[in-house]
N, C-alpha and C. Protein backbone atom coordinates (compact mmCIF):
# COMPACT_ATOMS: atom_id res chain seq x y z
N MET A 1 0.84 -1.14 0.01
CA MET A 1 -0.04 -0.02 0.04
C MET A 1 0.85 1.27 -0.05
N ALA A 2 0.57 2.19 -0.80
CA ALA A 2 1.30 3.45 -0.92
C ALA A 2 1.21 4.26 0.39
N LYS A 3 2.37 4.82 0.69
CA LYS A 3 2.29 5.71 1.84
C LYS A 3 1.78 6.96 1.52
N ARG A 4 0.92 7.55 2.36
CA ARG A 4 0.20 8.75 2.19
C ARG A 4 0.83 9.71 3.19
N GLY A 5 1.12 10.94 2.60
CA GLY A 5 1.83 11.93 3.59
C GLY A 5 0.99 13.21 3.39
N ARG A 6 1.58 14.24 3.74
CA ARG A 6 0.97 15.61 3.66
C ARG A 6 0.90 15.96 2.23
N PRO A 7 -0.10 16.68 1.86
CA PRO A 7 -0.24 17.19 0.51
C PRO A 7 0.83 18.10 0.26
N VAL A 8 1.37 18.05 -1.01
CA VAL A 8 2.33 18.97 -1.42
C VAL A 8 1.84 20.36 -1.68
N THR A 9 2.58 21.34 -1.02
CA THR A 9 2.09 22.74 -1.27
C THR A 9 3.03 23.29 -2.31
N ILE A 10 2.34 23.81 -3.42
CA ILE A 10 3.28 24.38 -4.39
C ILE A 10 3.20 25.92 -4.19
N VAL A 11 4.31 26.58 -4.19
CA VAL A 11 4.46 27.96 -4.05
C VAL A 11 4.37 28.60 -5.49
N VAL A 12 3.51 29.44 -5.71
CA VAL A 12 3.23 29.93 -7.07
C VAL A 12 3.72 31.42 -7.05
N ASP A 13 4.49 31.78 -7.93
CA ASP A 13 5.07 33.17 -8.12
C ASP A 13 4.06 33.90 -9.10
N TRP A 14 3.14 34.60 -8.52
CA TRP A 14 2.06 35.22 -9.29
C TRP A 14 2.68 36.34 -10.32
N SER A 15 3.74 36.88 -9.97
CA SER A 15 4.41 37.94 -10.84
C SER A 15 4.86 37.27 -12.12
N LYS A 16 5.38 36.04 -12.05
CA LYS A 16 5.68 35.26 -13.27
C LYS A 16 4.45 34.96 -14.13
N ILE A 17 3.33 34.53 -13.48
CA ILE A 17 2.11 34.22 -14.25
C ILE A 17 1.62 35.40 -14.90
N ASP A 18 1.57 36.63 -14.06
CA ASP A 18 1.03 37.84 -14.74
C ASP A 18 1.85 38.38 -15.81
N THR A 19 3.20 38.32 -15.67
CA THR A 19 4.12 38.75 -16.71
C THR A 19 3.93 37.93 -18.07
N ALA A 20 3.90 36.66 -17.84
CA ALA A 20 3.72 35.72 -18.98
C ALA A 20 2.47 35.95 -19.73
N PHE A 21 1.37 36.13 -19.01
CA PHE A 21 0.02 36.40 -19.66
C PHE A 21 0.01 37.76 -20.33
N SER A 22 0.71 38.82 -19.67
CA SER A 22 0.70 40.09 -20.21
C SER A 22 1.56 40.15 -21.48
N LEU A 23 2.38 39.17 -21.76
CA LEU A 23 3.21 39.13 -22.95
C LEU A 23 2.55 38.27 -24.07
N GLY A 24 1.33 37.75 -23.79
CA GLY A 24 0.50 37.00 -24.72
C GLY A 24 0.83 35.45 -24.65
N ALA A 25 1.34 34.89 -23.57
CA ALA A 25 1.63 33.57 -23.50
C ALA A 25 0.34 32.81 -23.42
N THR A 26 0.37 31.54 -23.81
CA THR A 26 -0.86 30.66 -23.80
C THR A 26 -0.84 30.04 -22.36
N THR A 27 -2.03 29.49 -22.04
CA THR A 27 -2.19 28.76 -20.83
C THR A 27 -1.07 27.62 -20.73
N GLU A 28 -0.91 26.89 -21.79
CA GLU A 28 0.09 25.84 -21.77
C GLU A 28 1.47 26.37 -21.46
N MET A 29 1.81 27.42 -22.18
CA MET A 29 3.09 28.00 -21.84
C MET A 29 3.25 28.45 -20.47
N VAL A 30 2.35 29.11 -19.91
CA VAL A 30 2.41 29.50 -18.46
C VAL A 30 2.57 28.30 -17.58
N ALA A 31 1.70 27.34 -17.73
CA ALA A 31 1.73 26.14 -16.94
C ALA A 31 3.07 25.53 -17.03
N ASN A 32 3.66 25.41 -18.25
CA ASN A 32 4.91 24.76 -18.31
C ASN A 32 6.00 25.69 -17.68
N PHE A 33 5.89 26.98 -17.81
CA PHE A 33 6.89 27.83 -17.27
C PHE A 33 6.91 27.83 -15.72
N ILE A 34 5.82 27.69 -15.01
CA ILE A 34 5.76 27.49 -13.63
C ILE A 34 5.69 26.06 -13.11
N ASP A 35 5.76 25.17 -14.06
CA ASP A 35 5.95 23.69 -13.84
C ASP A 35 4.63 23.09 -12.99
N VAL A 36 3.60 23.50 -13.62
CA VAL A 36 2.34 22.84 -13.06
C VAL A 36 1.39 22.47 -14.20
N SER A 37 0.32 21.72 -13.97
CA SER A 37 -0.52 21.30 -15.06
C SER A 37 -1.46 22.47 -15.44
N ASN A 38 -2.07 22.34 -16.61
CA ASN A 38 -3.00 23.28 -17.04
C ASN A 38 -4.14 23.40 -16.12
N SER A 39 -4.61 22.27 -15.76
CA SER A 39 -5.84 22.23 -14.80
C SER A 39 -5.53 22.81 -13.51
N TYR A 40 -4.35 22.53 -12.99
CA TYR A 40 -3.92 23.26 -11.71
C TYR A 40 -3.78 24.69 -11.76
N LEU A 41 -3.26 25.12 -12.89
CA LEU A 41 -3.11 26.68 -13.05
C LEU A 41 -4.47 27.16 -13.14
N GLU A 42 -5.49 26.62 -13.82
CA GLU A 42 -6.86 27.08 -13.86
C GLU A 42 -7.43 27.01 -12.45
N GLN A 43 -7.22 25.96 -11.74
CA GLN A 43 -7.70 26.01 -10.20
C GLN A 43 -7.18 27.10 -9.41
N LEU A 44 -5.90 27.35 -9.51
CA LEU A 44 -5.25 28.45 -8.87
C LEU A 44 -5.92 29.82 -9.12
N ILE A 45 -6.04 30.10 -10.47
CA ILE A 45 -6.62 31.32 -10.93
C ILE A 45 -8.04 31.48 -10.43
N ARG A 46 -8.78 30.44 -10.56
CA ARG A 46 -10.26 30.42 -10.17
C ARG A 46 -10.32 30.62 -8.64
N LYS A 47 -9.48 30.07 -7.84
CA LYS A 47 -9.44 30.19 -6.35
C LYS A 47 -9.03 31.64 -6.00
N LYS A 48 -8.03 32.18 -6.58
CA LYS A 48 -7.52 33.43 -6.13
C LYS A 48 -8.45 34.63 -6.63
N THR A 49 -8.91 34.43 -7.90
CA THR A 49 -9.65 35.64 -8.62
C THR A 49 -11.11 35.36 -8.82
N GLY A 50 -11.57 34.17 -8.83
CA GLY A 50 -12.91 33.87 -9.31
C GLY A 50 -13.13 33.95 -10.76
N LEU A 51 -12.11 34.19 -11.57
CA LEU A 51 -12.18 34.35 -13.00
C LEU A 51 -11.78 33.01 -13.67
N SER A 52 -12.29 32.78 -14.85
CA SER A 52 -11.72 31.72 -15.65
C SER A 52 -10.31 31.99 -16.12
N ILE A 53 -9.63 31.03 -16.57
CA ILE A 53 -8.26 31.34 -17.01
C ILE A 53 -8.21 32.18 -18.21
N GLY A 54 -9.28 32.05 -19.12
CA GLY A 54 -9.37 32.93 -20.23
C GLY A 54 -9.57 34.41 -19.85
N GLU A 55 -10.47 34.62 -18.95
CA GLU A 55 -10.79 35.96 -18.47
C GLU A 55 -9.60 36.57 -17.80
N TYR A 56 -8.84 35.79 -16.98
CA TYR A 56 -7.72 36.37 -16.32
C TYR A 56 -6.65 36.68 -17.36
N ARG A 57 -6.35 35.81 -18.25
CA ARG A 57 -5.40 36.09 -19.40
C ARG A 57 -5.74 37.39 -20.09
N GLU A 58 -6.98 37.59 -20.46
CA GLU A 58 -7.55 38.72 -21.20
C GLU A 58 -7.29 40.01 -20.42
N ARG A 59 -7.54 39.97 -19.10
CA ARG A 59 -7.18 41.16 -18.27
C ARG A 59 -5.70 41.53 -18.19
N LYS A 60 -4.95 40.54 -18.09
CA LYS A 60 -3.47 40.79 -17.97
C LYS A 60 -2.92 41.26 -19.39
N LEU A 61 -3.50 40.72 -20.49
CA LEU A 61 -3.01 41.16 -21.81
C LEU A 61 -3.48 42.54 -22.24
N ALA A 62 -4.66 42.99 -21.69
CA ALA A 62 -5.28 44.22 -21.96
C ALA A 62 -4.32 45.37 -21.55
N THR A 63 -3.63 45.13 -20.42
CA THR A 63 -2.62 46.13 -19.99
C THR A 63 -1.58 46.36 -20.98
N THR A 64 -1.05 45.24 -21.54
CA THR A 64 -0.07 45.44 -22.57
C THR A 64 -0.62 46.08 -23.89
N GLN A 65 -1.77 45.70 -24.24
CA GLN A 65 -2.40 46.33 -25.36
C GLN A 65 -2.61 47.82 -25.27
N ILE A 66 -3.05 48.29 -24.06
CA ILE A 66 -3.25 49.67 -23.80
C ILE A 66 -1.89 50.43 -23.89
N LYS A 67 -0.88 49.81 -23.27
CA LYS A 67 0.48 50.39 -23.36
C LYS A 67 1.03 50.50 -24.80
N LEU A 68 0.78 49.48 -25.63
CA LEU A 68 1.12 49.50 -26.98
C LEU A 68 0.45 50.58 -27.69
N ILE A 69 -0.81 50.72 -27.48
CA ILE A 69 -1.60 51.82 -28.15
C ILE A 69 -1.16 53.20 -27.83
N GLN A 70 -0.83 53.30 -26.53
CA GLN A 70 -0.30 54.57 -26.04
C GLN A 70 1.07 54.95 -26.74
N LYS A 71 1.87 54.05 -26.86
CA LYS A 71 3.17 54.15 -27.50
C LYS A 71 3.01 54.48 -28.97
N ALA A 72 2.13 53.73 -29.62
CA ALA A 72 1.82 53.96 -31.01
C ALA A 72 1.36 55.47 -31.25
N LEU A 73 0.44 55.82 -30.37
CA LEU A 73 -0.11 57.12 -30.57
C LEU A 73 1.02 58.14 -30.24
N ALA A 74 1.78 57.92 -29.27
CA ALA A 74 2.91 58.92 -28.99
C ALA A 74 3.78 59.04 -30.22
N MET A 75 4.12 57.94 -30.95
CA MET A 75 4.94 57.97 -32.09
C MET A 75 4.26 58.74 -33.18
N ALA A 76 3.00 58.48 -33.35
CA ALA A 76 2.16 59.25 -34.49
C ALA A 76 2.14 60.73 -34.06
N TRP A 77 1.99 61.10 -32.92
CA TRP A 77 1.91 62.49 -32.36
C TRP A 77 3.32 63.24 -32.64
N SER A 78 4.34 62.43 -32.62
CA SER A 78 5.70 62.94 -32.70
C SER A 78 6.08 63.14 -34.17
N GLY A 79 5.17 62.65 -35.14
CA GLY A 79 5.44 62.98 -36.53
C GLY A 79 5.75 61.67 -37.34
N ASP A 80 5.77 60.55 -36.69
CA ASP A 80 6.17 59.29 -37.49
C ASP A 80 5.01 59.08 -38.45
N ARG A 81 5.32 59.32 -39.73
CA ARG A 81 4.32 59.28 -40.76
C ARG A 81 3.68 57.86 -40.90
N THR A 82 4.63 56.89 -40.83
CA THR A 82 4.07 55.39 -40.97
C THR A 82 3.08 55.17 -39.76
N MET A 83 3.50 55.60 -38.64
CA MET A 83 2.63 55.31 -37.45
C MET A 83 1.37 56.05 -37.52
N MET A 84 1.37 57.29 -38.10
CA MET A 84 0.16 58.13 -38.34
C MET A 84 -0.79 57.38 -39.18
N ILE A 85 -0.33 56.82 -40.23
CA ILE A 85 -1.10 56.25 -41.27
C ILE A 85 -1.71 54.95 -40.58
N PHE A 86 -0.77 54.16 -40.01
CA PHE A 86 -1.21 52.91 -39.32
C PHE A 86 -2.39 53.13 -38.29
N SER A 87 -2.03 54.24 -37.53
CA SER A 87 -3.07 54.55 -36.46
C SER A 87 -4.46 55.06 -37.08
N LEU A 88 -4.41 55.80 -38.14
CA LEU A 88 -5.62 56.37 -38.73
C LEU A 88 -6.37 55.17 -39.38
N LYS A 89 -5.72 54.21 -40.00
CA LYS A 89 -6.38 53.02 -40.64
C LYS A 89 -6.99 52.08 -39.47
N ASN A 90 -6.21 51.83 -38.40
CA ASN A 90 -6.58 50.84 -37.41
C ASN A 90 -7.48 51.39 -36.28
N LEU A 91 -7.18 52.73 -36.01
CA LEU A 91 -8.01 53.27 -34.91
C LEU A 91 -9.06 54.18 -35.30
N ALA A 92 -8.98 54.82 -36.47
CA ALA A 92 -10.00 55.73 -36.96
C ALA A 92 -10.79 55.14 -38.18
N GLY A 93 -10.47 54.02 -38.55
CA GLY A 93 -11.25 53.41 -39.70
C GLY A 93 -10.96 53.89 -40.97
N TRP A 94 -9.92 54.56 -41.21
CA TRP A 94 -9.63 55.09 -42.60
C TRP A 94 -9.10 53.92 -43.45
N THR A 95 -9.22 54.12 -44.82
CA THR A 95 -8.93 53.17 -45.75
C THR A 95 -8.50 53.68 -46.93
N ASP A 96 -7.54 53.00 -47.71
CA ASP A 96 -7.19 53.51 -49.05
C ASP A 96 -7.65 52.51 -50.10
N ARG A 97 -8.67 51.65 -49.80
CA ARG A 97 -9.08 50.68 -50.70
C ARG A 97 -10.33 51.20 -51.43
N VAL A 98 -10.52 50.73 -52.56
CA VAL A 98 -11.79 50.98 -53.28
C VAL A 98 -12.92 50.11 -52.77
N GLU A 99 -14.01 50.77 -52.31
CA GLU A 99 -15.10 50.04 -51.74
C GLU A 99 -15.84 49.25 -52.96
N HIS A 100 -16.18 48.02 -52.66
CA HIS A 100 -16.91 47.30 -53.63
C HIS A 100 -17.71 46.17 -52.83
N GLY A 101 -18.66 45.62 -53.57
CA GLY A 101 -19.50 44.58 -52.94
C GLY A 101 -20.70 44.37 -53.86
N PHE A 102 -21.60 43.64 -53.27
CA PHE A 102 -22.81 43.21 -53.96
C PHE A 102 -24.10 43.91 -53.18
N ASP A 103 -25.15 44.13 -53.91
CA ASP A 103 -26.32 44.61 -53.34
C ASP A 103 -27.10 43.42 -52.65
N LYS A 104 -28.17 43.64 -52.00
CA LYS A 104 -28.78 42.59 -51.24
C LYS A 104 -29.20 41.39 -52.06
N ASP A 105 -29.68 41.53 -53.36
CA ASP A 105 -29.99 40.37 -54.17
C ASP A 105 -28.81 39.80 -54.80
N LYS A 106 -27.65 40.32 -54.71
CA LYS A 106 -26.44 39.76 -55.21
C LYS A 106 -26.49 39.61 -56.67
N LYS A 107 -27.24 40.49 -57.35
CA LYS A 107 -27.25 40.61 -58.81
C LYS A 107 -26.47 41.71 -59.23
N THR A 108 -26.25 42.67 -58.52
CA THR A 108 -25.58 43.96 -58.93
C THR A 108 -24.30 44.15 -58.20
N ILE A 109 -23.24 44.33 -58.93
CA ILE A 109 -22.00 44.66 -58.32
C ILE A 109 -21.91 46.25 -57.99
N ILE A 110 -21.52 46.58 -56.86
CA ILE A 110 -21.47 48.04 -56.47
C ILE A 110 -19.99 48.39 -56.39
N LEU A 111 -19.64 49.41 -57.20
CA LEU A 111 -18.30 49.93 -57.24
C LEU A 111 -18.30 51.42 -56.84
N LYS A 112 -17.58 51.90 -55.98
CA LYS A 112 -17.50 53.34 -55.69
C LYS A 112 -16.14 53.83 -56.02
N TYR A 113 -16.09 54.89 -56.84
CA TYR A 113 -14.95 55.55 -57.21
C TYR A 113 -15.15 57.00 -57.06
N ASN A 114 -14.09 57.84 -56.78
CA ASN A 114 -14.12 59.22 -56.73
C ASN A 114 -13.83 59.70 -58.11
N LEU A 115 -14.99 60.31 -58.75
CA LEU A 115 -14.90 60.85 -60.10
C LEU A 115 -14.95 62.37 -60.14
N ASP A 116 -14.59 62.95 -59.07
CA ASP A 116 -14.61 64.39 -59.00
C ASP A 116 -13.50 65.01 -59.97
N GLU A 117 -12.37 64.39 -60.12
CA GLU A 117 -11.38 64.86 -60.96
C GLU A 117 -11.19 63.94 -62.17
N THR A 118 -11.37 64.67 -63.34
CA THR A 118 -11.26 63.85 -64.52
C THR A 118 -9.95 64.13 -65.09
N LYS A 119 -9.35 63.08 -65.67
CA LYS A 119 -8.04 63.18 -66.24
C LYS A 119 -8.09 62.72 -67.78
N ASP A 120 -7.39 63.58 -68.61
CA ASP A 120 -7.34 63.40 -70.00
C ASP A 120 -6.28 62.18 -70.22
N VAL A 121 -6.81 61.18 -70.78
CA VAL A 121 -5.84 60.06 -70.95
C VAL A 121 -5.57 59.86 -72.54
N THR A 122 -5.99 60.98 -73.28
CA THR A 122 -5.69 60.95 -74.73
C THR A 122 -4.20 61.04 -74.91
N PRO A 123 -3.52 60.29 -75.58
CA PRO A 123 -2.10 60.46 -75.87
C PRO A 123 -1.75 61.70 -76.61
N PRO A 124 -0.68 62.36 -76.29
CA PRO A 124 -0.39 63.63 -77.07
C PRO A 124 0.02 63.30 -78.50
N VAL A 125 -0.37 64.27 -79.26
CA VAL A 125 -0.06 64.15 -80.76
C VAL A 125 1.40 64.72 -80.95
N VAL A 126 2.19 63.84 -81.54
CA VAL A 126 3.59 64.23 -81.84
C VAL A 126 3.63 64.82 -83.26
N PRO A 127 4.05 66.12 -83.39
CA PRO A 127 4.19 66.70 -84.69
C PRO A 127 5.21 65.98 -85.54
N PRO A 128 5.15 65.94 -86.79
CA PRO A 128 6.11 65.31 -87.68
C PRO A 128 7.41 66.17 -87.60
N ASP A 129 8.54 65.56 -87.74
CA ASP A 129 9.84 66.26 -87.71
C ASP A 129 10.02 66.91 -89.04
N ASP A 130 10.16 68.30 -89.03
CA ASP A 130 10.28 69.16 -90.24
C ASP A 130 11.67 69.30 -90.63
N ASN A 131 12.64 68.86 -89.89
CA ASN A 131 14.05 69.04 -90.17
C ASN A 131 14.73 67.93 -90.96
N THR A 132 13.81 67.02 -91.53
CA THR A 132 14.41 66.07 -92.42
C THR A 132 14.70 66.52 -93.74
N SER A 133 15.86 66.24 -94.32
CA SER A 133 16.16 66.69 -95.60
C SER A 133 16.83 65.50 -96.39
N ASP A 134 16.60 65.48 -97.61
CA ASP A 134 17.28 64.49 -98.42
C ASP A 134 18.67 64.92 -98.98
N LYS A 135 19.63 64.25 -98.83
CA LYS A 135 20.99 64.60 -99.24
C LYS A 135 21.45 63.75 -100.27
């Protein structure tokens, strides 16, 4: 018969868990990092916070996401043109694509173009060369 002793107490470093989740680590990665099973990590988080492991991970990752948005906007405000364009497209919904699609009955294709400015696409007429002479 196997000898039963005291239950093993695992000391968990919550700063490691929080840091790993804030960097986008998966549950499996964090469990392996602190050397526990996925289910035990889930139990620890549920007991400490009352949250599911997914909810806890999202909360920790949200801090990183906000910091990245703040940094991106600071770069845009300082004049980084690439970051300005990226921010306008991703945060303000700007686009440089031509809108297209179908109407409700899917029989008509809808294309939207800006036709305010017309361009002459007629090729220029080249006058004949008058300096040709027969020698």
